[in-house]
Amino acid sequence: MGDRVQNKLTNVAIKKAGDGKLFDGGGLTLVKKGDGGKWVFRFSHLGKRREMGLGAWPELSLAEARKARDAWSSVLARGEDPIQVREAERAAEIAERDKHDPTFAEMVDIVFEAKKDGLRGGGARGRWRSPLDTHVIPRIGRKRMSAITQIEVRDALKPIWRTKHPTAEKAIQRTRIIFEQARFAGIDCDPFTVDAAKRLLGEVRHKTKHIAATPWQDVPALWTRLDPHLSAGLCLRWMLLTLVRFDGCRGARTSEVVDGIWIVPEDRVKGREGKTRDFHVPLPAAALEIVEDAKEAGDDLLFPGRRGAMLSSRAVEVYLDRIGEAGRPHGFRSAFRSWVQDTDACLYDVAETILGHSVGGKVERSYARSDLLERRRPVMEAWARYVTGAEASSVLQLRR
């Protein structure tokens, strides 16, 4: 078809021409302005006039523009719309490129999808993505994995590297995981990029700030200040008595208590998905009283929040602030551990099992499968008697 087109322009004529539209024939037009311009292919499809940009002049020469016009004229001769055909071709090219070189944000989605079944609550509970979504993706999320540099990773994390270092550490660790998984997938990127960024960020003297814990000597006084008529106060009392983490306690139900044993479902026990199991807690008398009171009231959920939902951690923290208690719920477990150490109340493995910690190595645990239920029971009863003030000292020798 190109042979039948009567070409009108020459390179000399284009250079001498002023600003405006220069027509070459066959729908090819140069819109010139100053020392530059753009090539346009004008055509009709299904009775509609259309214009298709071909490229800039002089970057795209007259000869190249004619070749492009002839190629798209052939598409038009087949009854197809050149613009729609080009858009489809570009979409296919982008899809192919994305497959082999996704953006950082796309790669995060890919990695998270592969990991989430191994994370508690599908990754939402542990907020695995949060450091990436908050601090990394807004800065480099749109960049292709192959194009990301250590400078860009450094700049993304620099604002929080010293002010929020624990969060920054999580962010850079997970960024490296993204690069590692991308490399395994054959994408042109190098995890060393993240290592280099960390080196560029520099050393940080970060002192770990432990969760505030109520001294064990002050726990009985705290017990008396916790209002058992409020869900927050009663839940905190339950936490003191059972030493189970807040996620386990907030959803406690009377139906989970069988023969004096509270069976905490595995989905509320801390640990990786598929690596946890139900945790059995021998309840002391004071805890069983809470269960009986709930049964008499006809409640299954022991500590209902607003509109019958489970309590939020924020509600509990606000309550502690209101009564002037600096210690946090997780610190109750530290108070118990200090009480054990200072009073020589029980053996190490019994105390650790009470707290739901794994004791010994993987091989050792495969043989020692006892949950020490009977040995934990008197220790927890002694702790409860101390907490509630029933026995002031509670310095009991339970090692036998």
Protein backbone atom coordinates (compact mmCIF):
# COMPACT_ATOMS: atom_id res chain seq x y z
CA MET A 1 0.00 0.00 0.00
CA GLY A 2 2.95 2.30 0.73
CA ASP A 3 3.93 2.16 -2.97
CA ARG A 4 0.63 3.74 -3.98
CA VAL A 5 1.04 6.71 -1.64
CA GLN A 6 2.32 9.88 -3.25
CA ASN A 7 4.86 11.18 -0.76
CA LYS A 8 5.06 14.97 -0.68
CA LEU A 9 7.58 15.88 2.00
CA THR A 10 11.37 15.95 1.92
CA ASN A 11 13.83 16.38 4.74
CA VAL A 12 14.95 19.72 3.33
CA ALA A 13 11.37 20.96 3.01
CA ILE A 14 10.62 20.00 6.61
CA LYS A 15 13.64 21.93 7.94
CA LYS A 16 12.72 25.04 5.94
CA ALA A 17 9.03 24.95 6.86
CA GLY A 18 7.61 27.09 9.62
CA ASP A 19 5.33 25.98 12.42
CA GLY A 20 2.13 24.19 11.43
CA LYS A 21 0.89 20.97 9.84
CA LEU A 22 2.89 19.40 7.01
CA PHE A 23 1.09 16.72 4.98
CA ASP A 24 3.05 13.86 3.39
CA GLY A 25 0.17 11.83 2.00
CA GLY A 26 -1.61 8.64 3.01
CA GLY A 27 -2.68 10.28 6.27
CA LEU A 28 0.85 11.04 7.50
CA THR A 29 1.11 14.52 9.02
CA LEU A 30 3.92 16.31 10.82
CA VAL A 31 2.79 18.90 13.34
CA LYS A 32 5.86 21.10 13.51
CA LYS A 33 6.72 23.62 16.20
CA GLY A 34 10.13 25.25 16.28
CA ASP A 35 12.92 22.69 16.03
CA GLY A 36 10.65 19.78 16.95
CA GLY A 37 7.34 18.23 16.16
CA LYS A 38 5.24 15.08 16.25
CA TRP A 39 4.12 12.61 13.60
CA VAL A 40 0.42 11.83 13.35
CA PHE A 41 -1.36 9.17 11.30
CA ARG A 42 -4.86 10.34 10.34
CA PHE A 43 -7.40 7.76 9.19
CA SER A 44 -11.07 6.80 9.19
CA HIS A 45 -12.45 3.62 10.73
CA LEU A 46 -16.14 2.69 10.63
CA GLY A 47 -16.93 6.24 9.52
CA LYS A 48 -15.09 7.85 12.40
CA ARG A 49 -12.08 10.15 11.95
CA ARG A 50 -9.14 9.24 14.19
CA GLU A 51 -5.61 10.45 14.83
CA MET A 52 -2.79 8.21 15.99
CA GLY A 53 0.51 9.55 17.31
CA LEU A 54 3.56 7.86 15.78
CA GLY A 55 6.43 9.60 17.54
CA ALA A 56 8.43 12.79 17.81
CA TRP A 57 10.37 14.50 15.04
CA PRO A 58 13.33 14.62 14.44
CA GLU A 59 13.88 11.60 16.73
CA LEU A 60 11.61 9.65 14.36
CA SER A 61 12.84 10.44 10.85
CA LEU A 62 10.68 10.99 7.79
CA ALA A 63 11.58 7.55 6.42
CA GLU A 64 10.73 5.85 9.74
CA ALA A 65 7.45 7.73 10.00
CA ARG A 66 6.48 6.53 6.50
CA LYS A 67 7.25 2.93 7.44
CA ALA A 68 5.06 3.26 10.52
CA ARG A 69 2.25 4.82 8.45
CA ASP A 70 2.42 2.00 5.91
CA ALA A 71 2.38 -0.67 8.61
CA TRP A 72 -0.70 0.80 10.31
CA SER A 73 -2.36 1.35 6.92
CA SER A 74 -2.06 -2.40 6.36
CA VAL A 75 -3.82 -3.01 9.69
CA LEU A 76 -6.56 -0.60 8.64
CA ALA A 77 -6.89 -2.43 5.31
CA ARG A 78 -7.68 -5.62 7.28
CA GLY A 79 -10.66 -3.84 8.81
CA GLU A 80 -9.07 -3.30 12.20
CA ASP A 81 -8.65 -0.08 14.16
CA PRO A 82 -4.89 0.67 14.37
CA ILE A 83 -5.26 2.44 17.72
CA GLN A 84 -7.09 -0.48 19.30
CA VAL A 85 -4.56 -2.94 17.88
CA ARG A 86 -1.65 -0.91 19.26
CA GLU A 87 -3.29 -0.64 22.70
CA ALA A 88 -3.77 -4.41 22.76
CA GLU A 89 -0.14 -4.96 21.76
CA ARG A 90 1.08 -2.59 24.46
CA ALA A 91 -1.10 -4.27 27.10
CA ALA A 92 0.38 -7.64 26.14
CA GLU A 93 3.90 -6.21 26.33
CA ILE A 94 3.21 -4.74 29.75
CA ALA A 95 1.77 -8.02 31.02
CA GLU A 96 4.82 -9.89 29.76
CA ARG A 97 7.14 -7.34 31.32
CA ASP A 98 5.29 -7.43 34.65
CA LYS A 99 5.61 -11.20 34.68
CA HIS A 100 9.37 -10.97 34.46
CA ASP A 101 9.91 -7.66 36.24
CA PRO A 102 7.05 -6.73 38.60
CA THR A 103 6.98 -3.56 40.66
CA PHE A 104 8.00 -3.76 44.31
CA ALA A 105 4.34 -3.44 45.36
CA GLU A 106 3.34 -6.27 43.02
CA MET A 107 6.16 -8.42 44.37
CA VAL A 108 5.02 -7.77 47.94
CA ASP A 109 1.57 -9.07 46.95
CA ILE A 110 3.12 -12.17 45.38
CA VAL A 111 5.31 -12.95 48.39
CA PHE A 112 2.57 -12.24 50.91
CA GLU A 113 0.16 -14.51 49.05
CA ALA A 114 2.74 -17.31 49.26
CA LYS A 115 3.46 -16.70 52.97
CA LYS A 116 0.09 -15.83 54.45
CA ASP A 117 -1.09 -19.40 55.06
CA GLY A 118 1.87 -19.75 57.42
CA LEU A 119 1.01 -16.53 59.30
CA ARG A 120 -1.52 -16.22 62.09
CA GLY A 121 -4.88 -14.92 60.89
CA GLY A 122 -3.69 -14.93 57.31
CA GLY A 123 -1.00 -12.38 58.17
CA ALA A 124 -3.40 -9.77 59.51
CA ARG A 125 -2.88 -10.63 63.17
CA GLY A 126 0.87 -10.22 63.10
CA ARG A 127 0.66 -7.31 60.65
CA TRP A 128 3.46 -8.79 58.55
CA ARG A 129 2.84 -6.34 55.74
CA SER A 130 2.41 -3.24 57.89
CA PRO A 131 6.05 -1.99 57.86
CA LEU A 132 6.19 -2.44 54.09
CA ASP A 133 2.80 -0.87 53.40
CA THR A 134 3.53 2.11 55.65
CA HIS A 135 7.17 2.92 54.99
CA VAL A 136 8.50 1.19 51.87
CA ILE A 137 5.73 0.85 49.28
CA PRO A 138 4.83 4.58 49.33
CA ARG A 139 8.43 5.36 48.30
CA ILE A 140 9.42 2.56 45.91
CA GLY A 141 6.22 0.59 45.36
CA ARG A 142 5.87 1.62 41.71
CA LYS A 143 9.46 0.92 40.74
CA ARG A 144 10.38 -2.26 38.89
CA MET A 145 12.34 -4.75 40.97
CA SER A 146 15.24 -4.66 38.51
CA ALA A 147 15.49 -0.87 38.76
CA ILE A 148 15.50 -0.42 42.55
CA THR A 149 18.81 0.80 43.96
CA GLN A 150 20.28 0.72 47.46
CA ILE A 151 19.99 4.51 47.56
CA GLU A 152 16.22 4.30 47.06
CA VAL A 153 15.83 1.63 49.74
CA ARG A 154 17.98 3.72 52.08
CA ASP A 155 15.93 6.86 51.41
CA ALA A 156 12.69 4.99 52.05
CA LEU A 157 13.78 3.92 55.54
CA LYS A 158 16.01 6.82 56.53
CA PRO A 159 13.17 8.86 58.16
CA ILE A 160 12.49 6.07 60.72
CA TRP A 161 15.91 4.39 60.96
CA ARG A 162 16.75 6.08 64.25
CA THR A 163 13.39 7.35 65.48
CA LYS A 164 11.49 4.06 65.03
CA HIS A 165 14.31 1.59 64.73
CA PRO A 166 12.44 -1.64 65.64
CA THR A 167 9.88 -0.87 62.91
CA ALA A 168 12.66 0.04 60.48
CA GLU A 169 14.40 -3.28 61.20
CA LYS A 170 11.23 -5.19 60.42
CA ALA A 171 10.78 -3.18 57.25
CA ILE A 172 14.29 -3.82 55.97
CA GLN A 173 14.20 -7.52 56.91
CA ARG A 174 10.97 -8.00 55.00
CA THR A 175 12.25 -5.93 52.09
CA ARG A 176 15.15 -8.37 51.85
CA ILE A 177 12.70 -11.28 51.87
CA ILE A 178 10.91 -9.65 48.92
CA PHE A 179 14.20 -9.37 47.01
CA GLU A 180 15.19 -12.95 47.88
CA GLN A 181 11.89 -14.39 46.68
CA ALA A 182 12.06 -12.28 43.52
CA ARG A 183 15.55 -13.59 42.82
CA PHE A 184 14.36 -17.18 43.29
CA ALA A 185 11.60 -16.43 40.76
CA GLY A 186 14.22 -15.48 38.19
CA ILE A 187 13.65 -11.74 38.40
CA ASP A 188 16.67 -9.57 37.72
CA CYS A 189 17.33 -8.18 41.21
CA ASP A 190 19.86 -8.76 43.98
CA PRO A 191 19.18 -9.05 47.75
CA PHE A 192 22.58 -7.40 48.21
CA THR A 193 20.78 -4.16 47.29
CA VAL A 194 19.04 -4.29 50.65
CA ASP A 195 22.23 -5.26 52.49
CA ALA A 196 23.98 -2.27 50.94
CA ALA A 197 21.09 0.02 51.92
CA LYS A 198 21.35 -1.17 55.52
CA ARG A 199 25.08 -0.43 55.50
CA LEU A 200 24.37 3.04 54.15
CA LEU A 201 21.81 3.70 56.87
CA GLY A 202 24.55 3.28 59.47
CA GLU A 203 24.83 1.96 63.01
CA VAL A 204 22.10 2.63 65.54
CA ARG A 205 22.43 2.49 69.30
CA HIS A 206 18.98 1.27 70.16
CA LYS A 207 18.11 0.32 73.70
CA THR A 208 15.23 -2.14 73.88
CA LYS A 209 12.36 -0.71 75.87
CA HIS A 210 10.69 -3.50 77.80
CA ILE A 211 6.96 -3.56 78.34
CA ALA A 212 6.16 -1.97 81.70
CA ALA A 213 5.54 -4.68 84.28
CA THR A 214 3.92 -4.34 87.68
CA PRO A 215 6.40 -5.54 90.35
CA TRP A 216 5.16 -8.83 91.79
CA GLN A 217 5.15 -7.29 95.25
CA ASP A 218 2.50 -4.78 94.03
CA VAL A 219 0.24 -7.28 92.28
CA PRO A 220 -2.12 -7.89 95.29
CA ALA A 221 -2.73 -4.14 95.56
CA LEU A 222 -3.45 -3.99 91.83
CA TRP A 223 -5.93 -6.86 92.16
CA THR A 224 -8.03 -4.86 94.62
CA ARG A 225 -8.11 -1.87 92.23
CA LEU A 226 -9.39 -3.90 89.28
CA ASP A 227 -13.18 -3.53 89.15
CA PRO A 228 -14.73 -6.98 88.63
CA HIS A 229 -17.99 -5.36 87.51
CA LEU A 230 -16.33 -4.00 84.37
CA SER A 231 -15.28 -6.30 81.54
CA ALA A 232 -11.84 -4.68 81.32
CA GLY A 233 -11.22 -5.04 85.05
CA LEU A 234 -12.49 -8.62 85.15
CA CYS A 235 -10.45 -9.61 82.09
CA LEU A 236 -7.31 -8.19 83.71
CA ARG A 237 -8.05 -10.22 86.83
CA TRP A 238 -8.41 -13.30 84.63
CA MET A 239 -5.06 -12.54 83.02
CA LEU A 240 -3.41 -12.27 86.42
CA LEU A 241 -4.85 -15.62 87.47
CA THR A 242 -4.22 -17.58 84.27
CA LEU A 243 -1.07 -15.82 82.94
CA VAL A 244 -2.35 -16.32 79.37
CA ARG A 245 -1.69 -13.58 76.80
CA PHE A 246 -4.39 -11.03 76.05
CA ASP A 247 -5.40 -12.55 72.68
CA GLY A 248 -6.15 -15.80 74.46
CA CYS A 249 -8.03 -14.15 77.35
CA ARG A 250 -10.18 -11.65 75.46
CA GLY A 251 -12.11 -14.46 73.77
CA ALA A 252 -12.42 -16.73 76.83
CA ARG A 253 -15.75 -18.56 77.04
CA THR A 254 -17.40 -20.66 79.71
CA SER A 255 -17.78 -23.44 77.13
CA GLU A 256 -13.98 -23.66 76.91
CA VAL A 257 -13.72 -24.69 80.57
CA VAL A 258 -14.02 -28.43 81.12
CA ASP A 259 -13.49 -30.10 84.51
CA GLY A 260 -11.58 -27.14 85.87
CA ILE A 261 -9.32 -26.93 82.80
CA TRP A 262 -9.51 -23.95 80.44
CA ILE A 263 -8.78 -25.13 76.90
CA VAL A 264 -7.45 -22.14 74.97
CA PRO A 265 -8.07 -22.84 71.25
CA GLU A 266 -4.97 -22.98 69.07
CA ASP A 267 -6.12 -20.01 66.98
CA ARG A 268 -5.73 -17.78 70.06
CA VAL A 269 -2.35 -19.21 71.07
CA LYS A 270 0.78 -17.34 70.00
CA GLY A 271 2.85 -19.03 67.31
CA ARG A 272 3.10 -19.66 63.60
CA GLU A 273 0.14 -21.05 61.71
CA GLY A 274 0.16 -24.82 61.91
CA LYS A 275 2.75 -24.81 64.72
CA THR A 276 0.38 -24.20 67.64
CA ARG A 277 -2.03 -26.42 69.51
CA ASP A 278 -4.70 -26.01 72.16
CA PHE A 279 -3.22 -24.83 75.46
CA HIS A 280 -4.58 -26.36 78.68
CA VAL A 281 -4.67 -24.14 81.78
CA PRO A 282 -5.47 -25.61 85.22
CA LEU A 283 -7.70 -22.93 86.71
CA PRO A 284 -7.23 -21.88 90.35
CA ALA A 285 -10.29 -21.48 92.55
CA ALA A 286 -10.51 -17.71 92.04
CA ALA A 287 -10.67 -18.17 88.26
CA LEU A 288 -13.33 -20.86 88.55
CA GLU A 289 -15.46 -18.39 90.53
CA ILE A 290 -15.37 -16.02 87.55
CA VAL A 291 -16.54 -18.85 85.28
CA GLU A 292 -19.37 -19.79 87.62
CA ASP A 293 -20.56 -16.20 87.89
CA ALA A 294 -20.69 -15.98 84.08
CA LYS A 295 -22.65 -19.22 83.86
CA GLU A 296 -25.19 -17.96 86.41
CA ALA A 297 -25.61 -14.78 84.34
CA GLY A 298 -26.14 -16.91 81.23
CA ASP A 299 -23.06 -15.52 79.46
CA ASP A 300 -20.74 -17.64 77.35
CA LEU A 301 -18.23 -14.87 76.51
CA LEU A 302 -16.57 -14.06 79.81
CA PHE A 303 -15.51 -10.51 79.00
CA PRO A 304 -17.85 -8.96 76.42
CA GLY A 305 -16.93 -5.59 74.98
CA ARG A 306 -19.24 -3.12 73.35
CA ARG A 307 -22.28 -4.67 71.65
CA GLY A 308 -21.18 -8.12 72.75
CA ALA A 309 -17.92 -8.09 70.80
CA MET A 310 -14.61 -9.14 72.31
CA LEU A 311 -12.62 -6.58 74.26
CA SER A 312 -9.97 -4.61 72.41
CA SER A 313 -6.44 -4.23 73.71
CA ARG A 314 -6.93 -0.48 73.59
CA ALA A 315 -9.93 -0.68 75.93
CA VAL A 316 -7.85 -2.56 78.48
CA GLU A 317 -4.92 -0.13 78.22
CA VAL A 318 -7.26 2.86 78.63
CA TYR A 319 -8.71 1.24 81.74
CA LEU A 320 -5.24 0.74 83.25
CA ASP A 321 -4.39 4.37 82.52
CA ARG A 322 -7.60 5.47 84.20
CA ILE A 323 -6.77 3.67 87.43
CA GLY A 324 -3.20 4.95 87.32
CA GLU A 325 -1.46 1.64 86.66
CA ALA A 326 1.76 1.91 84.64
CA GLY A 327 2.15 -1.85 84.16
CA ARG A 328 0.76 -3.38 80.97
CA PRO A 329 -1.12 -6.68 80.62
CA HIS A 330 1.84 -8.55 79.11
CA GLY A 331 3.86 -7.46 82.13
CA PHE A 332 1.69 -9.66 84.36
CA ARG A 333 3.58 -12.63 82.98
CA SER A 334 6.89 -10.96 83.87
CA ALA A 335 5.59 -10.34 87.39
CA PHE A 336 4.83 -14.05 87.76
CA ARG A 337 8.27 -15.01 86.43
CA SER A 338 9.97 -12.69 88.92
CA TRP A 339 7.80 -14.08 91.72
CA VAL A 340 8.96 -17.59 90.82
CA GLN A 341 12.61 -16.53 90.80
CA ASP A 342 12.44 -14.58 94.05
CA THR A 343 10.40 -17.15 95.99
CA ASP A 344 11.87 -20.32 94.45
CA ALA A 345 8.26 -21.38 93.88
CA CYS A 346 8.85 -24.05 91.23
CA LEU A 347 11.25 -25.53 88.73
CA TYR A 348 12.21 -23.67 85.56
CA ASP A 349 10.39 -25.97 83.15
CA VAL A 350 7.16 -25.77 85.19
CA ALA A 351 7.22 -21.97 85.18
CA GLU A 352 7.98 -21.84 81.45
CA THR A 353 5.16 -24.27 80.67
CA ILE A 354 2.74 -22.15 82.72
CA LEU A 355 3.66 -19.22 80.47
CA GLY A 356 3.15 -21.33 77.35
CA HIS A 357 6.83 -21.27 76.39
CA SER A 358 8.54 -24.17 74.66
CA VAL A 359 11.14 -25.87 76.82
CA GLY A 360 14.19 -27.63 75.37
CA GLY A 361 15.21 -28.24 71.78
CA LYS A 362 13.11 -29.78 69.02
CA VAL A 363 14.44 -33.30 69.62
CA GLU A 364 14.01 -33.02 73.38
CA ARG A 365 10.43 -31.80 72.98
CA SER A 366 9.63 -34.71 70.66
CA TYR A 367 10.27 -37.07 73.59
CA ALA A 368 9.12 -34.93 76.52
CA ARG A 369 5.51 -34.33 75.50
CA SER A 370 3.92 -33.83 78.93
CA ASP A 371 2.20 -30.49 79.52
CA LEU A 372 3.04 -30.82 83.26
CA LEU A 373 -0.62 -30.18 84.07
CA GLU A 374 -0.56 -31.69 87.56
CA ARG A 375 2.71 -30.01 88.47
CA ARG A 376 1.43 -26.65 87.22
CA ARG A 377 -1.82 -26.83 89.18
CA PRO A 378 -0.42 -26.21 92.72
CA VAL A 379 1.89 -23.47 91.47
CA MET A 380 -0.97 -21.60 89.83
CA GLU A 381 -3.13 -22.03 92.93
CA ALA A 382 -0.34 -20.64 95.11
CA TRP A 383 0.11 -17.70 92.72
CA ALA A 384 -3.64 -17.04 92.72
CA ARG A 385 -3.78 -17.09 96.52
CA TYR A 386 -0.96 -14.56 96.60
CA VAL A 387 -2.52 -12.35 93.91
CA THR A 388 -5.94 -12.24 95.60
CA GLY A 389 -4.46 -11.65 99.04
CA ALA A 390 -5.68 -14.98 100.40
CA GLU A 391 -2.11 -15.79 101.39
CA ALA A 392 0.12 -12.78 101.94
CA SER A 393 3.52 -14.33 101.42
CA SER A 394 2.80 -17.33 99.21
CA VAL A 395 6.49 -18.19 99.36
CA LEU A 396 5.82 -21.87 98.95
CA GLN A 397 8.29 -24.65 98.32
CA LEU A 398 6.66 -26.49 95.43
CA ARG A 399 9.74 -28.08 93.95
CA ARG A 400 8.98 -31.52 95.34
